[in-house]
Amino acid sequence: MPRRIKNTRPRDTSKNRARKDKKKSLMRTGAQNGAWKGGSSAHYYRRSAGAKAGEVVHHKNKKKSDNRKSNLSRVSAAKHNKLHPEKGRKAARARKR
């Protein structure tokens, strides 16, 4: 009679599932997180402005380091291109000439 190999994998119970969820690597905070930039995450301003996917956060005074809520506004990509004509394709072509 062949010998049965015992299953060494833990049973999938609600208790084990809860334990797994707590150890997600993406939930690291502070310096352990890969996006951490010495005190704030790289996309902190997007969260504070409430921007969703497809929206662009515009800094009203054009200073990227000024991340006050009053300085941030959510705009579409087309509107953002109109606000910054110096960064568009036409300006890039003119710089190449």
PDB file of N, CA and C in Angstrom:
ATOM      1  N   MET A   1       0.830  -1.166   0.000  1.00  0.00           N
ATOM      2  CA  MET A   1       0.000   0.000   0.000  1.00  0.00           C
ATOM      3  C   MET A   1       0.892   1.253   0.000  1.00  0.00           C
ATOM      4  N   PRO A   2       0.659   2.231  -0.952  1.00  0.00           N
ATOM      5  CA  PRO A   2       1.504   3.427  -1.005  1.00  0.00           C
ATOM      6  C   PRO A   2       1.266   4.318   0.217  1.00  0.00           C
ATOM      7  N   ARG A   3       2.326   4.917   0.603  1.00  0.00           N
ATOM      8  CA  ARG A   3       2.270   5.782   1.779  1.00  0.00           C
ATOM      9  C   ARG A   3       1.746   7.165   1.395  1.00  0.00           C
ATOM     10  N   ARG A   4       0.808   7.717   2.163  1.00  0.00           N
ATOM     11  CA  ARG A   4       0.234   9.019   1.867  1.00  0.00           C
ATOM     12  C   ARG A   4       1.115  10.117   2.438  1.00  0.00           C
ATOM     13  N   ILE A   5       1.315  11.158   1.660  1.00  0.00           N
ATOM     14  CA  ILE A   5       2.108  12.295   2.112  1.00  0.00           C
ATOM     15  C   ILE A   5       1.161  13.261   2.827  1.00  0.00           C
ATOM     16  N   LYS A   6       1.557  13.648   4.016  1.00  0.00           N
ATOM     17  CA  LYS A   6       0.731  14.549   4.814  1.00  0.00           C
ATOM     18  C   LYS A   6       0.824  15.972   4.251  1.00  0.00           C
ATOM     19  N   ASN A   7      -0.306  16.629   4.153  1.00  0.00           N
ATOM     20  CA  ASN A   7      -0.345  18.001   3.663  1.00  0.00           C
ATOM     21  C   ASN A   7       0.199  18.930   4.754  1.00  0.00           C
ATOM     22  N   THR A   8       1.299  19.623   4.480  1.00  0.00           N
ATOM     23  CA  THR A   8       1.931  20.477   5.489  1.00  0.00           C
ATOM     24  C   THR A   8       1.443  21.926   5.388  1.00  0.00           C
ATOM     25  N   ARG A   9       0.644  22.218   4.400  1.00  0.00           N
ATOM     26  CA  ARG A   9       0.138  23.577   4.212  1.00  0.00           C
ATOM     27  C   ARG A   9      -0.930  23.885   5.265  1.00  0.00           C
ATOM     28  N   PRO A  10      -0.901  25.085   5.883  1.00  0.00           N
ATOM     29  CA  PRO A  10      -1.903  25.390   6.899  1.00  0.00           C
ATOM     30  C   PRO A  10      -3.295  25.503   6.276  1.00  0.00           C
ATOM     31  N   ARG A  11      -4.292  25.141   7.036  1.00  0.00           N
ATOM     32  CA  ARG A  11      -5.665  25.188   6.557  1.00  0.00           C
ATOM     33  C   ARG A  11      -6.091  26.637   6.334  1.00  0.00           C
ATOM     34  N   ASP A  12      -6.938  26.825   5.347  1.00  0.00           N
ATOM     35  CA  ASP A  12      -7.418  28.162   5.027  1.00  0.00           C
ATOM     36  C   ASP A  12      -8.638  28.474   5.896  1.00  0.00           C
ATOM     37  N   THR A  13      -8.384  28.971   7.075  1.00  0.00           N
ATOM     38  CA  THR A  13      -9.462  29.349   7.983  1.00  0.00           C
ATOM     39  C   THR A  13      -9.484  30.860   8.123  1.00  0.00           C
ATOM     40  N   SER A  14     -10.556  31.387   8.674  1.00  0.00           N
ATOM     41  CA  SER A  14     -10.653  32.838   8.815  1.00  0.00           C
ATOM     42  C   SER A  14      -9.544  33.388   9.714  1.00  0.00           C
ATOM     43  N   LYS A  15      -9.129  32.606  10.687  1.00  0.00           N
ATOM     44  CA  LYS A  15      -8.056  33.034  11.579  1.00  0.00           C
ATOM     45  C   LYS A  15      -6.739  33.179  10.812  1.00  0.00           C
ATOM     46  N   ASN A  16      -6.416  32.199   9.974  1.00  0.00           N
ATOM     47  CA  ASN A  16      -5.190  32.257   9.174  1.00  0.00           C
ATOM     48  C   ASN A  16      -5.271  33.347   8.112  1.00  0.00           C
ATOM     49  N   ARG A  17      -6.462  33.586   7.541  1.00  0.00           N
ATOM     50  CA  ARG A  17      -6.627  34.625   6.541  1.00  0.00           C
ATOM     51  C   ARG A  17      -6.363  35.999   7.145  1.00  0.00           C
ATOM     52  N   ALA A  18      -6.849  36.227   8.343  1.00  0.00           N
ATOM     53  CA  ALA A  18      -6.620  37.507   9.011  1.00  0.00           C
ATOM     54  C   ALA A  18      -5.139  37.718   9.291  1.00  0.00           C
ATOM     55  N   ARG A  19      -4.446  36.653   9.633  1.00  0.00           N
ATOM     56  CA  ARG A  19      -3.015  36.746   9.906  1.00  0.00           C
ATOM     57  C   ARG A  19      -2.256  37.101   8.632  1.00  0.00           C
ATOM     58  N   LYS A  20      -2.653  36.530   7.489  1.00  0.00           N
ATOM     59  CA  LYS A  20      -1.989  36.819   6.220  1.00  0.00           C
ATOM     60  C   LYS A  20      -2.182  38.281   5.818  1.00  0.00           C
ATOM     61  N   ASP A  21      -3.391  38.801   5.994  1.00  0.00           N
ATOM     62  CA  ASP A  21      -3.698  40.163   5.568  1.00  0.00           C
ATOM     63  C   ASP A  21      -2.862  41.201   6.307  1.00  0.00           C
ATOM     64  N   LYS A  22      -2.491  40.935   7.530  1.00  0.00           N
ATOM     65  CA  LYS A  22      -1.728  41.904   8.309  1.00  0.00           C
ATOM     66  C   LYS A  22      -0.284  42.023   7.842  1.00  0.00           C
ATOM     67  N   LYS A  23       0.223  41.034   7.125  1.00  0.00           N
ATOM     68  CA  LYS A  23       1.637  41.017   6.766  1.00  0.00           C
ATOM     69  C   LYS A  23       1.897  41.414   5.320  1.00  0.00           C
ATOM     70  N   LYS A  24       1.047  42.214   4.728  1.00  0.00           N
ATOM     71  CA  LYS A  24       1.272  42.623   3.343  1.00  0.00           C
ATOM     72  C   LYS A  24       2.474  43.550   3.266  1.00  0.00           C
ATOM     73  N   SER A  25       3.330  43.327   2.296  1.00  0.00           N
ATOM     74  CA  SER A  25       4.550  44.127   2.180  1.00  0.00           C
ATOM     75  C   SER A  25       4.260  45.560   1.746  1.00  0.00           C
ATOM     76  N   LEU A  26       3.146  45.778   1.072  1.00  0.00           N
ATOM     77  CA  LEU A  26       2.834  47.122   0.605  1.00  0.00           C
ATOM     78  C   LEU A  26       2.298  48.013   1.718  1.00  0.00           C
ATOM     79  N   MET A  27       2.012  47.448   2.874  1.00  0.00           N
ATOM     80  CA  MET A  27       1.463  48.232   3.965  1.00  0.00           C
ATOM     81  C   MET A  27       2.548  48.783   4.882  1.00  0.00           C
ATOM     82  N   ARG A  28       3.793  48.732   4.418  1.00  0.00           N
ATOM     83  CA  ARG A  28       4.873  49.272   5.237  1.00  0.00           C
ATOM     84  C   ARG A  28       4.754  50.779   5.317  1.00  0.00           C
ATOM     85  N   THR A  29       5.037  51.308   6.496  1.00  0.00           N
ATOM     86  CA  THR A  29       4.933  52.751   6.675  1.00  0.00           C
ATOM     87  C   THR A  29       6.287  53.335   7.045  1.00  0.00           C
ATOM     88  N   GLY A  30       6.410  54.638   6.846  1.00  0.00           N
ATOM     89  CA  GLY A  30       7.632  55.321   7.228  1.00  0.00           C
ATOM     90  C   GLY A  30       8.806  54.968   6.344  1.00  0.00           C
ATOM     91  N   ALA A  31       9.966  54.878   6.939  1.00  0.00           N
ATOM     92  CA  ALA A  31      11.195  54.646   6.185  1.00  0.00           C
ATOM     93  C   ALA A  31      11.233  53.266   5.540  1.00  0.00           C
ATOM     94  N   GLN A  32      10.412  52.313   5.998  1.00  0.00           N
ATOM     95  CA  GLN A  32      10.392  50.979   5.404  1.00  0.00           C
ATOM     96  C   GLN A  32       9.666  50.963   4.058  1.00  0.00           C
ATOM     97  N   ASN A  33       8.851  51.976   3.781  1.00  0.00           N
ATOM     98  CA  ASN A  33       8.120  52.039   2.530  1.00  0.00           C
ATOM     99  C   ASN A  33       9.039  52.558   1.432  1.00  0.00           C
ATOM    100  N   GLY A  34       8.979  51.947   0.253  1.00  0.00           N
ATOM    101  CA  GLY A  34       9.854  52.316  -0.851  1.00  0.00           C
ATOM    102  C   GLY A  34       9.596  53.701  -1.412  1.00  0.00           C
ATOM    103  N   ALA A  35       8.379  54.247  -1.227  1.00  0.00           N
ATOM    104  CA  ALA A  35       8.043  55.560  -1.767  1.00  0.00           C
ATOM    105  C   ALA A  35       8.329  56.689  -0.779  1.00  0.00           C
ATOM    106  N   TRP A  36       8.902  56.375   0.339  1.00  0.00           N
ATOM    107  CA  TRP A  36       9.145  57.365   1.391  1.00  0.00           C
ATOM    108  C   TRP A  36      10.286  58.292   0.984  1.00  0.00           C
ATOM    109  N   LYS A  37      10.082  59.579   1.090  1.00  0.00           N
ATOM    110  CA  LYS A  37      11.106  60.563   0.713  1.00  0.00           C
ATOM    111  C   LYS A  37      11.409  61.468   1.896  1.00  0.00           C
ATOM    112  N   GLY A  38      11.965  60.934   2.952  1.00  0.00           N
ATOM    113  CA  GLY A  38      12.425  61.728   4.078  1.00  0.00           C
ATOM    114  C   GLY A  38      11.356  62.559   4.765  1.00  0.00           C
ATOM    115  N   GLY A  39      10.246  61.998   5.093  1.00  0.00           N
ATOM    116  CA  GLY A  39       9.240  62.725   5.847  1.00  0.00           C
ATOM    117  C   GLY A  39       7.872  62.747   5.194  1.00  0.00           C
ATOM    118  N   SER A  40       7.807  62.601   3.895  1.00  0.00           N
ATOM    119  CA  SER A  40       6.516  62.505   3.222  1.00  0.00           C
ATOM    120  C   SER A  40       6.692  61.620   1.997  1.00  0.00           C
ATOM    121  N   SER A  41       5.609  60.977   1.579  1.00  0.00           N
ATOM    122  CA  SER A  41       5.714  60.090   0.424  1.00  0.00           C
ATOM    123  C   SER A  41       5.828  60.906  -0.859  1.00  0.00           C
ATOM    124  N   ALA A  42       6.229  60.269  -1.922  1.00  0.00           N
ATOM    125  CA  ALA A  42       6.451  60.963  -3.189  1.00  0.00           C
ATOM    126  C   ALA A  42       5.147  61.522  -3.763  1.00  0.00           C
ATOM    127  N   HIS A  43       4.002  60.923  -3.440  1.00  0.00           N
ATOM    128  CA  HIS A  43       2.724  61.339  -4.000  1.00  0.00           C
ATOM    129  C   HIS A  43       1.794  61.909  -2.938  1.00  0.00           C
ATOM    130  N   TYR A  44       2.364  62.487  -1.900  1.00  0.00           N
ATOM    131  CA  TYR A  44       1.579  63.063  -0.816  1.00  0.00           C
ATOM    132  C   TYR A  44       0.630  64.145  -1.323  1.00  0.00           C
ATOM    133  N   TYR A  45       1.096  64.982  -2.240  1.00  0.00           N
ATOM    134  CA  TYR A  45       0.286  66.089  -2.734  1.00  0.00           C
ATOM    135  C   TYR A  45      -0.931  65.583  -3.498  1.00  0.00           C
ATOM    136  N   ARG A  46      -0.824  64.433  -4.169  1.00  0.00           N
ATOM    137  CA  ARG A  46      -1.977  63.876  -4.882  1.00  0.00           C
ATOM    138  C   ARG A  46      -3.063  63.446  -3.904  1.00  0.00           C
ATOM    139  N   ARG A  47      -2.640  62.841  -2.786  1.00  0.00           N
ATOM    140  CA  ARG A  47      -3.615  62.432  -1.774  1.00  0.00           C
ATOM    141  C   ARG A  47      -4.258  63.648  -1.126  1.00  0.00           C
ATOM    142  N   SER A  48      -3.482  64.676  -0.815  1.00  0.00           N
ATOM    143  CA  SER A  48      -4.032  65.847  -0.141  1.00  0.00           C
ATOM    144  C   SER A  48      -4.965  66.633  -1.067  1.00  0.00           C
ATOM    145  N   ALA A  49      -4.751  66.554  -2.379  1.00  0.00           N
ATOM    146  CA  ALA A  49      -5.642  67.224  -3.322  1.00  0.00           C
ATOM    147  C   ALA A  49      -6.857  66.363  -3.647  1.00  0.00           C
ATOM    148  N   GLY A  50      -6.810  65.078  -3.334  1.00  0.00           N
ATOM    149  CA  GLY A  50      -7.925  64.178  -3.620  1.00  0.00           C
ATOM    150  C   GLY A  50      -8.002  63.789  -5.082  1.00  0.00           C
ATOM    151  N   ALA A  51      -6.866  63.737  -5.764  1.00  0.00           N
ATOM    152  CA  ALA A  51      -6.834  63.426  -7.190  1.00  0.00           C
ATOM    153  C   ALA A  51      -7.056  61.938  -7.430  1.00  0.00           C
ATOM    154  N   LYS A  52      -7.806  61.645  -8.468  1.00  0.00           N
ATOM    155  CA  LYS A  52      -8.068  60.264  -8.872  1.00  0.00           C
ATOM    156  C   LYS A  52      -7.219  59.963 -10.109  1.00  0.00           C
ATOM    157  N   ALA A  53      -7.295  58.728 -10.580  1.00  0.00           N
ATOM    158  CA  ALA A  53      -6.561  58.352 -11.782  1.00  0.00           C
ATOM    159  C   ALA A  53      -7.073  59.171 -12.960  1.00  0.00           C
ATOM    160  N   GLY A  54      -6.184  59.686 -13.771  1.00  0.00           N
ATOM    161  CA  GLY A  54      -6.555  60.489 -14.924  1.00  0.00           C
ATOM    162  C   GLY A  54      -6.613  61.978 -14.640  1.00  0.00           C
ATOM    163  N   GLU A  55      -6.515  62.372 -13.387  1.00  0.00           N
ATOM    164  CA  GLU A  55      -6.514  63.787 -13.039  1.00  0.00           C
ATOM    165  C   GLU A  55      -5.094  64.244 -12.760  1.00  0.00           C
ATOM    166  N   VAL A  56      -4.824  65.499 -13.025  1.00  0.00           N
ATOM    167  CA  VAL A  56      -3.511  66.079 -12.799  1.00  0.00           C
ATOM    168  C   VAL A  56      -3.633  67.094 -11.671  1.00  0.00           C
ATOM    169  N   VAL A  57      -2.658  67.129 -10.796  1.00  0.00           N
ATOM    170  CA  VAL A  57      -2.645  68.112  -9.718  1.00  0.00           C
ATOM    171  C   VAL A  57      -1.793  69.291 -10.166  1.00  0.00           C
ATOM    172  N   HIS A  58      -2.404  70.470 -10.163  1.00  0.00           N
ATOM    173  CA  HIS A  58      -1.718  71.689 -10.594  1.00  0.00           C
ATOM    174  C   HIS A  58      -1.332  72.512  -9.379  1.00  0.00           C
ATOM    175  N   HIS A  59      -0.077  72.923  -9.305  1.00  0.00           N
ATOM    176  CA  HIS A  59       0.383  73.817  -8.252  1.00  0.00           C
ATOM    177  C   HIS A  59       0.159  75.248  -8.753  1.00  0.00           C
ATOM    178  N   LYS A  60      -0.709  75.982  -8.082  1.00  0.00           N
ATOM    179  CA  LYS A  60      -1.105  77.309  -8.549  1.00  0.00           C
ATOM    180  C   LYS A  60       0.059  78.286  -8.639  1.00  0.00           C
ATOM    181  N   ASN A  61       0.982  78.243  -7.668  1.00  0.00           N
ATOM    182  CA  ASN A  61       2.113  79.178  -7.704  1.00  0.00           C
ATOM    183  C   ASN A  61       3.333  78.582  -8.415  1.00  0.00           C
ATOM    184  N   LYS A  62       3.163  77.446  -9.057  1.00  0.00           N
ATOM    185  CA  LYS A  62       4.179  76.767  -9.874  1.00  0.00           C
ATOM    186  C   LYS A  62       5.405  76.302  -9.082  1.00  0.00           C
ATOM    187  N   LYS A  63       5.267  76.168  -7.751  1.00  0.00           N
ATOM    188  CA  LYS A  63       6.354  75.648  -6.923  1.00  0.00           C
ATOM    189  C   LYS A  63       5.980  74.241  -6.467  1.00  0.00           C
ATOM    190  N   LYS A  64       6.713  73.242  -6.948  1.00  0.00           N
ATOM    191  CA  LYS A  64       6.383  71.855  -6.636  1.00  0.00           C
ATOM    192  C   LYS A  64       6.535  71.519  -5.162  1.00  0.00           C
ATOM    193  N   SER A  65       7.349  72.263  -4.455  1.00  0.00           N
ATOM    194  CA  SER A  65       7.572  71.971  -3.044  1.00  0.00           C
ATOM    195  C   SER A  65       6.483  72.554  -2.148  1.00  0.00           C
ATOM    196  N   ASP A  66       5.641  73.441  -2.688  1.00  0.00           N
ATOM    197  CA  ASP A  66       4.568  74.060  -1.901  1.00  0.00           C
ATOM    198  C   ASP A  66       3.309  73.202  -2.026  1.00  0.00           C
ATOM    199  N   ASN A  67       3.112  72.281  -1.071  1.00  0.00           N
ATOM    200  CA  ASN A  67       2.011  71.327  -1.149  1.00  0.00           C
ATOM    201  C   ASN A  67       0.860  71.660  -0.208  1.00  0.00           C
ATOM    202  N   ARG A  68       0.617  72.950   0.033  1.00  0.00           N
ATOM    203  CA  ARG A  68      -0.538  73.337   0.834  1.00  0.00           C
ATOM    204  C   ARG A  68      -1.809  73.063   0.032  1.00  0.00           C
ATOM    205  N   LYS A  69      -2.896  72.709   0.741  1.00  0.00           N
ATOM    206  CA  LYS A  69      -4.157  72.435   0.052  1.00  0.00           C
ATOM    207  C   LYS A  69      -4.637  73.629  -0.751  1.00  0.00           C
ATOM    208  N   SER A  70      -4.419  74.830  -0.235  1.00  0.00           N
ATOM    209  CA  SER A  70      -4.873  76.033  -0.938  1.00  0.00           C
ATOM    210  C   SER A  70      -4.093  76.283  -2.229  1.00  0.00           C
ATOM    211  N   ASN A  71      -2.926  75.657  -2.375  1.00  0.00           N
ATOM    212  CA  ASN A  71      -2.096  75.848  -3.566  1.00  0.00           C
ATOM    213  C   ASN A  71      -2.342  74.765  -4.616  1.00  0.00           C
ATOM    214  N   LEU A  72      -3.077  73.714  -4.282  1.00  0.00           N
ATOM    215  CA  LEU A  72      -3.287  72.589  -5.194  1.00  0.00           C
ATOM    216  C   LEU A  72      -4.676  72.647  -5.809  1.00  0.00           C
ATOM    217  N   SER A  73      -4.768  72.270  -7.075  1.00  0.00           N
ATOM    218  CA  SER A  73      -6.073  72.130  -7.718  1.00  0.00           C
ATOM    219  C   SER A  73      -6.023  70.933  -8.660  1.00  0.00           C
ATOM    220  N   ARG A  74      -7.162  70.253  -8.775  1.00  0.00           N
ATOM    221  CA  ARG A  74      -7.264  69.104  -9.670  1.00  0.00           C
ATOM    222  C   ARG A  74      -7.761  69.592 -11.026  1.00  0.00           C
ATOM    223  N   VAL A  75      -7.069  69.217 -12.086  1.00  0.00           N
ATOM    224  CA  VAL A  75      -7.471  69.608 -13.437  1.00  0.00           C
ATOM    225  C   VAL A  75      -7.275  68.427 -14.370  1.00  0.00           C
ATOM    226  N   SER A  76      -7.901  68.502 -15.539  1.00  0.00           N
ATOM    227  CA  SER A  76      -7.693  67.466 -16.543  1.00  0.00           C
ATOM    228  C   SER A  76      -6.333  67.682 -17.203  1.00  0.00           C
ATOM    229  N   ALA A  77      -5.876  66.680 -17.932  1.00  0.00           N
ATOM    230  CA  ALA A  77      -4.577  66.794 -18.600  1.00  0.00           C
ATOM    231  C   ALA A  77      -4.606  67.898 -19.656  1.00  0.00           C
ATOM    232  N   ALA A  78      -5.730  68.042 -20.379  1.00  0.00           N
ATOM    233  CA  ALA A  78      -5.840  69.067 -21.414  1.00  0.00           C
ATOM    234  C   ALA A  78      -5.779  70.473 -20.797  1.00  0.00           C
ATOM    235  N   LYS A  79      -6.487  70.666 -19.691  1.00  0.00           N
ATOM    236  CA  LYS A  79      -6.482  71.965 -19.013  1.00  0.00           C
ATOM    237  C   LYS A  79      -5.081  72.275 -18.473  1.00  0.00           C
ATOM    238  N   HIS A  80      -4.398  71.263 -17.965  1.00  0.00           N
ATOM    239  CA  HIS A  80      -3.051  71.463 -17.431  1.00  0.00           C
ATOM    240  C   HIS A  80      -2.081  71.861 -18.541  1.00  0.00           C
ATOM    241  N   ASN A  81      -2.249  71.283 -19.717  1.00  0.00           N
ATOM    242  CA  ASN A  81      -1.400  71.667 -20.852  1.00  0.00           C
ATOM    243  C   ASN A  81      -1.633  73.114 -21.261  1.00  0.00           C
ATOM    244  N   LYS A  82      -2.879  73.598 -21.125  1.00  0.00           N
ATOM    245  CA  LYS A  82      -3.164  75.003 -21.441  1.00  0.00           C
ATOM    246  C   LYS A  82      -2.560  75.933 -20.397  1.00  0.00           C
ATOM    247  N   LEU A  83      -2.512  75.459 -19.144  1.00  0.00           N
ATOM    248  CA  LEU A  83      -1.924  76.273 -18.083  1.00  0.00           C
ATOM    249  C   LEU A  83      -0.404  76.369 -18.211  1.00  0.00           C
ATOM    250  N   HIS A  84       0.224  75.366 -18.840  1.00  0.00           N
ATOM    251  CA  HIS A  84       1.681  75.336 -19.006  1.00  0.00           C
ATOM    252  C   HIS A  84       2.046  75.186 -20.485  1.00  0.00           C
ATOM    253  N   PRO A  85       1.841  76.215 -21.295  1.00  0.00           N
ATOM    254  CA  PRO A  85       2.174  76.086 -22.722  1.00  0.00           C
ATOM    255  C   PRO A  85       3.672  75.929 -22.960  1.00  0.00           C
ATOM    256  N   GLU A  86       4.489  76.362 -22.013  1.00  0.00           N
ATOM    257  CA  GLU A  86       5.948  76.253 -22.188  1.00  0.00           C
ATOM    258  C   GLU A  86       6.444  74.814 -22.090  1.00  0.00           C
ATOM    259  N   LYS A  87       5.582  73.897 -21.647  1.00  0.00           N
ATOM    260  CA  LYS A  87       6.000  72.509 -21.493  1.00  0.00           C
ATOM    261  C   LYS A  87       5.396  71.580 -22.536  1.00  0.00           C
ATOM    262  N   GLY A  88       4.642  72.100 -23.482  1.00  0.00           N
ATOM    263  CA  GLY A  88       3.940  71.280 -24.456  1.00  0.00           C
ATOM    264  C   GLY A  88       4.825  70.800 -25.601  1.00  0.00           C
ATOM    265  N   ARG A  89       4.189  70.101 -26.557  1.00  0.00           N
ATOM    266  CA  ARG A  89       4.927  69.570 -27.715  1.00  0.00           C
ATOM    267  C   ARG A  89       5.438  70.680 -28.623  1.00  0.00           C
ATOM    268  N   LYS A  90       4.616  71.700 -28.820  1.00  0.00           N
ATOM    269  CA  LYS A  90       5.039  72.805 -29.702  1.00  0.00           C
ATOM    270  C   LYS A  90       6.281  73.489 -29.127  1.00  0.00           C
ATOM    271  N   ALA A  91       6.300  73.678 -27.823  1.00  0.00           N
ATOM    272  CA  ALA A  91       7.465  74.315 -27.200  1.00  0.00           C
ATOM    273  C   ALA A  91       8.693  73.422 -27.307  1.00  0.00           C
ATOM    274  N   ALA A  92       8.502  72.126 -27.221  1.00  0.00           N
ATOM    275  CA  ALA A  92       9.631  71.195 -27.324  1.00  0.00           C
ATOM    276  C   ALA A  92      10.204  71.218 -28.744  1.00  0.00           C
ATOM    277  N   ARG A  93       9.300  71.288 -29.737  1.00  0.00           N
ATOM    278  CA  ARG A  93       9.774  71.360 -31.127  1.00  0.00           C
ATOM    279  C   ARG A  93      10.533  72.670 -31.382  1.00  0.00           C
ATOM    280  N   ALA A  94      10.040  73.748 -30.808  1.00  0.00           N
ATOM    281  CA  ALA A  94      10.690  75.042 -30.997  1.00  0.00           C
ATOM    282  C   ALA A  94      12.076  75.061 -30.321  1.00  0.00           C
ATOM    283  N   ARG A  95      12.191  74.379 -29.195  1.00  0.00           N
ATOM    284  CA  ARG A  95      13.500  74.313 -28.515  1.00  0.00           C
ATOM    285  C   ARG A  95      14.519  73.505 -29.335  1.00  0.00           C
ATOM    286  N   LYS A  96      14.051  72.513 -30.076  1.00  0.00           N
ATOM    287  CA  LYS A  96      14.956  71.684 -30.886  1.00  0.00           C
ATOM    288  C   LYS A  96      15.515  72.447 -32.069  1.00  0.00           C
ATOM    289  N   ARG A  97      14.761  73.429 -32.576  1.00  0.00           N
ATOM    290  CA  ARG A  97      15.191  74.163 -33.781  1.00  0.00           C
ATOM    291  C   ARG A  97      16.339  75.049 -33.538  1.00  0.00           C
TER     292      ARG A  97
END
